[in-house]
């Protein structure tokens, strides 16, 4: 590691890429060609200043993190499904409320888990991406809790269909 004349520190130079730390801004850069070193003095040229090699192409990455939006969406779906179950009597207790609650908690939350996994996998293509595996772990827990809530919705669908069959002889309004 050496300090370059223009305020950069060479951190690594593996696989043909040069990782440089900019001391003035605290940012990292990946250089596609060697960093600018001072050229040796040319005979007959002015020795007071030596010329620099032209600067290489700099690829700067912006740091990005995994999004927390899927986590909030999954938590919102679980809370909405739970609220539909707890408020079933105030909402009329029909079969539609329980089918919606069943769709919200386990099924849509599972789709949100897939969204999070795909988004984090695509983000890992960027070297500046910071994955958040805890987000996926929490969403998996939310999906498991969603299946528990879904059991109660399924039981209520069975109760509504069973009552309708006993009273009218027709299964679930068919």
Foldseek 3Di string as FASTA:
>chain_A
DDQAPVQWDFDDCPPQWTWIARRVVRFIKIFNHDAKHFDDDDPPDDPPDTDIDPGTDIDGDDAEEQDLVLLVQLVVLLVQLVVLLVCCVVVPLALVSLVSSLCRQQPVLVVSLVVSVVRQVVQVVDVNYHYDVVSSVSSVVSNVVSVVSNVSSVVSNVVNQVVCCVVPVDGRVD
